[in-house]
Each structure stands twice: as C-alpha cells, then as structure tokens.
Amino acid sequence: MAERASISRTTLNRIEKGNLGVALGHYAIVLFCLGMIDRLGDIADVRSDPLGLELDEERLPQRIRYQRNSKPSKT
C-alpha cells in the first residue's frame, strides 16, 4: 500500500494510527488507492463534528430582543 501511495511505510503506519501530524494530502492519496476518495468529503463534513456543532449552538443568542424603534412592521 505504501508503495502504491508513494509514501513511506512509517507514514502509512502513522495514517493507520490516526496521527494528526500527517499531511491531509497523504490521507487523500491512501483513500484514492483504496478506492474510497469519495469518503474525503465525509472527513471534512461539519455535520459529522458533534463537538463543533455543540460549540456553535452555545454561541447562538439565548433570546432575541427588538429595539424600541425597530419593531417588525405588521403587514
């Protein structure tokens, strides 16, 4: 696999262990060699990041208040 991906065996082992120091391009090459390049989009999908979604939800305002002069118009 390392030879097909043109990477060292050490880099392949680091990819298999999920080492964060490996370049994303190496992950992409390995996924391509495995015929799974379409899964690259799943890695970067924000919907698959529960912690990120939770942090975004915490940033939402708890309550929306209108200013006295800018009430929504009744139409």
PDB file of N, CA and C in Angstrom:
ATOM      1  N   MET A   1       0.821  -1.187   0.000  1.00  0.00           N
ATOM      2  CA  MET A   1       0.000   0.000   0.000  1.00  0.00           C
ATOM      3  C   MET A   1       0.869   1.256   0.000  1.00  0.00           C
ATOM      4  N   ALA A   2       1.916   1.260   0.822  1.00  0.00           N
ATOM      5  CA  ALA A   2       2.794   2.423   0.897  1.00  0.00           C
ATOM      6  C   ALA A   2       3.445   2.694  -0.469  1.00  0.00           C
ATOM      7  N   GLU A   3       3.838   1.639  -1.148  1.00  0.00           N
ATOM      8  CA  GLU A   3       4.453   1.811  -2.459  1.00  0.00           C
ATOM      9  C   GLU A   3       3.447   2.359  -3.472  1.00  0.00           C
ATOM     10  N   ARG A   4       2.229   1.839  -3.464  1.00  0.00           N
ATOM     11  CA  ARG A   4       1.186   2.336  -4.372  1.00  0.00           C
ATOM     12  C   ARG A   4       0.870   3.798  -4.115  1.00  0.00           C
ATOM     13  N   ALA A   5       0.927   4.220  -2.850  1.00  0.00           N
ATOM     14  CA  ALA A   5       0.611   5.604  -2.489  1.00  0.00           C
ATOM     15  C   ALA A   5       1.832   6.510  -2.573  1.00  0.00           C
ATOM     16  N   SER A   6       2.970   5.938  -2.873  1.00  0.00           N
ATOM     17  CA  SER A   6       4.238   6.681  -2.954  1.00  0.00           C
ATOM     18  C   SER A   6       4.570   7.405  -1.655  1.00  0.00           C
ATOM     19  N   ILE A   7       4.348   6.702  -0.541  1.00  0.00           N
ATOM     20  CA  ILE A   7       4.700   7.229   0.778  1.00  0.00           C
ATOM     21  C   ILE A   7       5.513   6.175   1.504  1.00  0.00           C
ATOM     22  N   SER A   8       6.170   6.577   2.572  1.00  0.00           N
ATOM     23  CA  SER A   8       6.967   5.611   3.327  1.00  0.00           C
ATOM     24  C   SER A   8       6.051   4.732   4.186  1.00  0.00           C
ATOM     25  N   ARG A   9       6.574   3.607   4.599  1.00  0.00           N
ATOM     26  CA  ARG A   9       5.806   2.713   5.472  1.00  0.00           C
ATOM     27  C   ARG A   9       5.551   3.374   6.815  1.00  0.00           C
ATOM     28  N   THR A  10       6.495   4.215   7.255  1.00  0.00           N
ATOM     29  CA  THR A  10       6.315   4.936   8.516  1.00  0.00           C
ATOM     30  C   THR A  10       5.112   5.874   8.415  1.00  0.00           C
ATOM     31  N   THR A  11       5.010   6.585   7.299  1.00  0.00           N
ATOM     32  CA  THR A  11       3.876   7.488   7.105  1.00  0.00           C
ATOM     33  C   THR A  11       2.567   6.713   7.044  1.00  0.00           C
ATOM     34  N   LEU A  12       2.582   5.562   6.379  1.00  0.00           N
ATOM     35  CA  LEU A  12       1.378   4.731   6.317  1.00  0.00           C
ATOM     36  C   LEU A  12       0.982   4.260   7.716  1.00  0.00           C
ATOM     37  N   ASN A  13       1.950   3.865   8.518  1.00  0.00           N
ATOM     38  CA  ASN A  13       1.649   3.445   9.889  1.00  0.00           C
ATOM     39  C   ASN A  13       1.055   4.597  10.690  1.00  0.00           C
ATOM     40  N   ARG A  14       1.591   5.804  10.493  1.00  0.00           N
ATOM     41  CA  ARG A  14       1.063   6.971  11.197  1.00  0.00           C
ATOM     42  C   ARG A  14      -0.370   7.262  10.753  1.00  0.00           C
ATOM     43  N   ILE A  15      -0.661   7.066   9.472  1.00  0.00           N
ATOM     44  CA  ILE A  15      -2.029   7.246   8.975  1.00  0.00           C
ATOM     45  C   ILE A  15      -2.961   6.228   9.613  1.00  0.00           C
ATOM     46  N   GLU A  16      -2.516   4.974   9.671  1.00  0.00           N
ATOM     47  CA  GLU A  16      -3.333   3.919  10.260  1.00  0.00           C
ATOM     48  C   GLU A  16      -3.637   4.183  11.730  1.00  0.00           C
ATOM     49  N   LYS A  17      -2.708   4.840  12.415  1.00  0.00           N
ATOM     50  CA  LYS A  17      -2.906   5.148  13.839  1.00  0.00           C
ATOM     51  C   LYS A  17      -3.680   6.451  14.050  1.00  0.00           C
ATOM     52  N   GLY A  18      -3.935   7.194  12.968  1.00  0.00           N
ATOM     53  CA  GLY A  18      -4.673   8.443  13.082  1.00  0.00           C
ATOM     54  C   GLY A  18      -3.834   9.599  13.581  1.00  0.00           C
ATOM     55  N   ASN A  19      -2.542   9.552  13.334  1.00  0.00           N
ATOM     56  CA  ASN A  19      -1.635  10.610  13.769  1.00  0.00           C
ATOM     57  C   ASN A  19      -2.014  11.936  13.110  1.00  0.00           C
ATOM     58  N   LEU A  20      -2.157  12.979  13.923  1.00  0.00           N
ATOM     59  CA  LEU A  20      -2.566  14.283  13.414  1.00  0.00           C
ATOM     60  C   LEU A  20      -1.457  15.019  12.684  1.00  0.00           C
ATOM     61  N   GLY A  21      -0.234  14.548  12.777  1.00  0.00           N
ATOM     62  CA  GLY A  21       0.886  15.213  12.129  1.00  0.00           C
ATOM     63  C   GLY A  21       1.064  14.844  10.668  1.00  0.00           C
ATOM     64  N   VAL A  22       0.239  13.951  10.152  1.00  0.00           N
ATOM     65  CA  VAL A  22       0.341  13.521   8.761  1.00  0.00           C
ATOM     66  C   VAL A  22      -0.441  14.498   7.884  1.00  0.00           C
ATOM     67  N   ALA A  23       0.145  14.880   6.772  1.00  0.00           N
ATOM     68  CA  ALA A  23      -0.497  15.819   5.853  1.00  0.00           C
ATOM     69  C   ALA A  23      -1.785  15.231   5.287  1.00  0.00           C
ATOM     70  N   LEU A  24      -2.762  16.094   5.109  1.00  0.00           N
ATOM     71  CA  LEU A  24      -4.056  15.670   4.574  1.00  0.00           C
ATOM     72  C   LEU A  24      -3.908  15.068   3.179  1.00  0.00           C
ATOM     73  N   GLY A  25      -2.943  15.554   2.429  1.00  0.00           N
ATOM     74  CA  GLY A  25      -2.704  15.016   1.096  1.00  0.00           C
ATOM     75  C   GLY A  25      -2.341  13.539   1.119  1.00  0.00           C
ATOM     76  N   HIS A  26      -1.609  13.124   2.146  1.00  0.00           N
ATOM     77  CA  HIS A  26      -1.264  11.701   2.267  1.00  0.00           C
ATOM     78  C   HIS A  26      -2.512  10.866   2.545  1.00  0.00           C
ATOM     79  N   TYR A  27      -3.396  11.392   3.387  1.00  0.00           N
ATOM     80  CA  TYR A  27      -4.658  10.690   3.633  1.00  0.00           C
ATOM     81  C   TYR A  27      -5.440  10.559   2.329  1.00  0.00           C
ATOM     82  N   ALA A  28      -5.476  11.644   1.533  1.00  0.00           N
ATOM     83  CA  ALA A  28      -6.209  11.629   0.267  1.00  0.00           C
ATOM     84  C   ALA A  28      -5.629  10.589  -0.691  1.00  0.00           C
ATOM     85  N   ILE A  29      -4.314  10.508  -0.756  1.00  0.00           N
ATOM     86  CA  ILE A  29      -3.673   9.527  -1.649  1.00  0.00           C
ATOM     87  C   ILE A  29      -4.026   8.107  -1.230  1.00  0.00           C
ATOM     88  N   VAL A  30      -3.989   7.836   0.072  1.00  0.00           N
ATOM     89  CA  VAL A  30      -4.313   6.493   0.558  1.00  0.00           C
ATOM     90  C   VAL A  30      -5.777   6.173   0.274  1.00  0.00           C
ATOM     91  N   LEU A  31      -6.674   7.128   0.500  1.00  0.00           N
ATOM     92  CA  LEU A  31      -8.085   6.899   0.188  1.00  0.00           C
ATOM     93  C   LEU A  31      -8.277   6.624  -1.297  1.00  0.00           C
ATOM     94  N   PHE A  32      -7.544   7.354  -2.140  1.00  0.00           N
ATOM     95  CA  PHE A  32      -7.624   7.118  -3.576  1.00  0.00           C
ATOM     96  C   PHE A  32      -7.166   5.697  -3.921  1.00  0.00           C
ATOM     97  N   CYS A  33      -6.060   5.259  -3.335  1.00  0.00           N
ATOM     98  CA  CYS A  33      -5.542   3.909  -3.606  1.00  0.00           C
ATOM     99  C   CYS A  33      -6.517   2.826  -3.154  1.00  0.00           C
ATOM    100  N   LEU A  34      -7.271   3.130  -2.110  1.00  0.00           N
ATOM    101  CA  LEU A  34      -8.250   2.165  -1.604  1.00  0.00           C
ATOM    102  C   LEU A  34      -9.586   2.251  -2.335  1.00  0.00           C
ATOM    103  N   GLY A  35      -9.705   3.189  -3.272  1.00  0.00           N
ATOM    104  CA  GLY A  35     -10.956   3.374  -3.993  1.00  0.00           C
ATOM    105  C   GLY A  35     -12.025   4.045  -3.137  1.00  0.00           C
ATOM    106  N   MET A  36     -11.583   4.824  -2.170  1.00  0.00           N
ATOM    107  CA  MET A  36     -12.515   5.456  -1.243  1.00  0.00           C
ATOM    108  C   MET A  36     -12.372   6.978  -1.247  1.00  0.00           C
ATOM    109  N   ILE A  37     -11.972   7.567  -2.361  1.00  0.00           N
ATOM    110  CA  ILE A  37     -11.722   9.001  -2.406  1.00  0.00           C
ATOM    111  C   ILE A  37     -12.987   9.807  -2.107  1.00  0.00           C
ATOM    112  N   ASP A  38     -14.153   9.246  -2.392  1.00  0.00           N
ATOM    113  CA  ASP A  38     -15.392   9.954  -2.096  1.00  0.00           C
ATOM    114  C   ASP A  38     -15.606  10.131  -0.588  1.00  0.00           C
ATOM    115  N   ARG A  39     -14.913   9.350   0.222  1.00  0.00           N
ATOM    116  CA  ARG A  39     -15.020   9.472   1.674  1.00  0.00           C
ATOM    117  C   ARG A  39     -14.293  10.702   2.204  1.00  0.00           C
ATOM    118  N   LEU A  40     -13.446  11.323   1.388  1.00  0.00           N
ATOM    119  CA  LEU A  40     -12.719  12.515   1.811  1.00  0.00           C
ATOM    120  C   LEU A  40     -13.691  13.633   2.191  1.00  0.00           C
ATOM    121  N   GLY A  41     -14.789  13.730   1.472  1.00  0.00           N
ATOM    122  CA  GLY A  41     -15.810  14.710   1.800  1.00  0.00           C
ATOM    123  C   GLY A  41     -16.443  14.457   3.159  1.00  0.00           C
ATOM    124  N   ASP A  42     -16.549  13.189   3.545  1.00  0.00           N
ATOM    125  CA  ASP A  42     -17.113  12.842   4.853  1.00  0.00           C
ATOM    126  C   ASP A  42     -16.216  13.302   5.989  1.00  0.00           C
ATOM    127  N   ILE A  43     -14.910  13.300   5.746  1.00  0.00           N
ATOM    128  CA  ILE A  43     -13.970  13.710   6.788  1.00  0.00           C
ATOM    129  C   ILE A  43     -14.151  15.185   7.112  1.00  0.00           C
ATOM    130  N   ALA A  44     -14.386  15.995   6.093  1.00  0.00           N
ATOM    131  CA  ALA A  44     -14.483  17.436   6.285  1.00  0.00           C
ATOM    132  C   ALA A  44     -15.919  17.918   6.507  1.00  0.00           C
ATOM    133  N   ASP A  45     -16.881  17.022   6.566  1.00  0.00           N
ATOM    134  CA  ASP A  45     -18.278  17.392   6.723  1.00  0.00           C
ATOM    135  C   ASP A  45     -18.543  17.900   8.141  1.00  0.00           C
ATOM    136  N   VAL A  46     -19.021  19.123   8.260  1.00  0.00           N
ATOM    137  CA  VAL A  46     -19.257  19.710   9.582  1.00  0.00           C
ATOM    138  C   VAL A  46     -20.386  18.994  10.327  1.00  0.00           C
ATOM    139  N   ARG A  47     -21.267  18.337   9.606  1.00  0.00           N
ATOM    140  CA  ARG A  47     -22.361  17.614  10.265  1.00  0.00           C
ATOM    141  C   ARG A  47     -21.870  16.394  11.039  1.00  0.00           C
ATOM    142  N   SER A  48     -20.651  15.952  10.755  1.00  0.00           N
ATOM    143  CA  SER A  48     -20.112  14.799  11.466  1.00  0.00           C
ATOM    144  C   SER A  48     -19.184  15.229  12.602  1.00  0.00           C
ATOM    145  N   ASP A  49     -19.283  16.482  13.017  1.00  0.00           N
ATOM    146  CA  ASP A  49     -18.460  17.014  14.097  1.00  0.00           C
ATOM    147  C   ASP A  49     -19.356  17.433  15.262  1.00  0.00           C
ATOM    148  N   PRO A  50     -19.706  16.493  16.150  1.00  0.00           N
ATOM    149  CA  PRO A  50     -20.637  16.826  17.238  1.00  0.00           C
ATOM    150  C   PRO A  50     -20.111  17.916  18.168  1.00  0.00           C
ATOM    151  N   LEU A  51     -18.825  17.933  18.434  1.00  0.00           N
ATOM    152  CA  LEU A  51     -18.269  18.961  19.305  1.00  0.00           C
ATOM    153  C   LEU A  51     -18.388  20.334  18.655  1.00  0.00           C
ATOM    154  N   GLY A  52     -18.058  20.437  17.386  1.00  0.00           N
ATOM    155  CA  GLY A  52     -18.181  21.704  16.677  1.00  0.00           C
ATOM    156  C   GLY A  52     -19.615  22.192  16.624  1.00  0.00           C
ATOM    157  N   LEU A  53     -20.562  21.272  16.395  1.00  0.00           N
ATOM    158  CA  LEU A  53     -21.969  21.651  16.374  1.00  0.00           C
ATOM    159  C   LEU A  53     -22.433  22.142  17.743  1.00  0.00           C
ATOM    160  N   GLU A  54     -21.957  21.496  18.801  1.00  0.00           N
ATOM    161  CA  GLU A  54     -22.313  21.906  20.158  1.00  0.00           C
ATOM    162  C   GLU A  54     -21.753  23.294  20.470  1.00  0.00           C
ATOM    163  N   LEU A  55     -20.517  23.552  20.063  1.00  0.00           N
ATOM    164  CA  LEU A  55     -19.922  24.868  20.294  1.00  0.00           C
ATOM    165  C   LEU A  55     -20.663  25.952  19.516  1.00  0.00           C
ATOM    166  N   ASP A  56     -21.080  25.653  18.291  1.00  0.00           N
ATOM    167  CA  ASP A  56     -21.865  26.614  17.515  1.00  0.00           C
ATOM    168  C   ASP A  56     -23.195  26.913  18.192  1.00  0.00           C
ATOM    169  N   GLU A  57     -23.814  25.882  18.735  1.00  0.00           N
ATOM    170  CA  GLU A  57     -25.100  26.063  19.403  1.00  0.00           C
ATOM    171  C   GLU A  57     -24.957  26.936  20.646  1.00  0.00           C
ATOM    172  N   GLU A  58     -23.844  26.807  21.346  1.00  0.00           N
ATOM    173  CA  GLU A  58     -23.609  27.636  22.534  1.00  0.00           C
ATOM    174  C   GLU A  58     -23.463  29.106  22.170  1.00  0.00           C
ATOM    175  N   ARG A  59     -23.011  29.400  20.965  1.00  0.00           N
ATOM    176  CA  ARG A  59     -22.808  30.787  20.532  1.00  0.00           C
ATOM    177  C   ARG A  59     -24.103  31.461  20.084  1.00  0.00           C
ATOM    178  N   LEU A  60     -25.159  30.690  19.899  1.00  0.00           N
ATOM    179  CA  LEU A  60     -26.420  31.282  19.478  1.00  0.00           C
ATOM    180  C   LEU A  60     -26.991  32.151  20.596  1.00  0.00           C
ATOM    181  N   PRO A  61     -27.673  33.255  20.242  1.00  0.00           N
ATOM    182  CA  PRO A  61     -28.256  34.092  21.287  1.00  0.00           C
ATOM    183  C   PRO A  61     -29.365  33.340  22.017  1.00  0.00           C
ATOM    184  N   GLN A  62     -29.460  33.568  23.301  1.00  0.00           N
ATOM    185  CA  GLN A  62     -30.474  32.896  24.106  1.00  0.00           C
ATOM    186  C   GLN A  62     -31.852  33.509  23.869  1.00  0.00           C
ATOM    187  N   ARG A  63     -31.845  34.797  23.578  1.00  0.00           N
ATOM    188  CA  ARG A  63     -33.098  35.499  23.428  1.00  0.00           C
ATOM    189  C   ARG A  63     -32.899  36.631  22.427  1.00  0.00           C
ATOM    190  N   ILE A  64     -33.889  36.836  21.599  1.00  0.00           N
ATOM    191  CA  ILE A  64     -33.803  37.929  20.632  1.00  0.00           C
ATOM    192  C   ILE A  64     -34.715  39.041  21.113  1.00  0.00           C
ATOM    193  N   ARG A  65     -34.156  40.225  21.244  1.00  0.00           N
ATOM    194  CA  ARG A  65     -34.924  41.389  21.683  1.00  0.00           C
ATOM    195  C   ARG A  65     -34.896  42.431  20.578  1.00  0.00           C
ATOM    196  N   TYR A  66     -36.044  43.020  20.316  1.00  0.00           N
ATOM    197  CA  TYR A  66     -36.134  44.091  19.335  1.00  0.00           C
ATOM    198  C   TYR A  66     -35.863  45.419  20.026  1.00  0.00           C
ATOM    199  N   GLN A  67     -35.205  46.308  19.323  1.00  0.00           N
ATOM    200  CA  GLN A  67     -35.031  47.653  19.848  1.00  0.00           C
ATOM    201  C   GLN A  67     -36.362  48.380  19.704  1.00  0.00           C
ATOM    202  N   ARG A  68     -36.595  49.346  20.550  1.00  0.00           N
ATOM    203  CA  ARG A  68     -37.887  50.040  20.568  1.00  0.00           C
ATOM    204  C   ARG A  68     -38.230  50.670  19.228  1.00  0.00           C
ATOM    205  N   ASN A  69     -37.238  51.209  18.521  1.00  0.00           N
ATOM    206  CA  ASN A  69     -37.512  51.906  17.267  1.00  0.00           C
ATOM    207  C   ASN A  69     -37.558  50.970  16.063  1.00  0.00           C
ATOM    208  N   SER A  70     -37.177  49.733  16.222  1.00  0.00           N
ATOM    209  CA  SER A  70     -37.093  48.848  15.048  1.00  0.00           C
ATOM    210  C   SER A  70     -37.949  47.607  15.220  1.00  0.00           C
ATOM    211  N   LYS A  71     -39.212  47.809  15.681  1.00  0.00           N
ATOM    212  CA  LYS A  71     -40.134  46.673  15.775  1.00  0.00           C
ATOM    213  C   LYS A  71     -40.523  46.213  14.373  1.00  0.00           C
ATOM    214  N   PRO A  72     -40.772  44.954  14.207  1.00  0.00           N
ATOM    215  CA  PRO A  72     -41.167  44.489  12.880  1.00  0.00           C
ATOM    216  C   PRO A  72     -42.513  45.091  12.500  1.00  0.00           C
ATOM    217  N   SER A  73     -42.657  45.441  11.236  1.00  0.00           N
ATOM    218  CA  SER A  73     -43.893  46.054  10.776  1.00  0.00           C
ATOM    219  C   SER A  73     -44.968  44.996  10.592  1.00  0.00           C
ATOM    220  N   LYS A  74     -46.205  45.401  10.840  1.00  0.00           N
ATOM    221  CA  LYS A  74     -47.343  44.493  10.658  1.00  0.00           C
ATOM    222  C   LYS A  74     -47.851  44.669   9.243  1.00  0.00           C
ATOM    223  N   THR A  75     -47.755  43.621   8.443  1.00  0.00           N
ATOM    224  CA  THR A  75     -48.221  43.701   7.061  1.00  0.00           C
ATOM    225  C   THR A  75     -49.212  42.622   6.773  1.00  0.00           C
TER     226      THR A  75
END
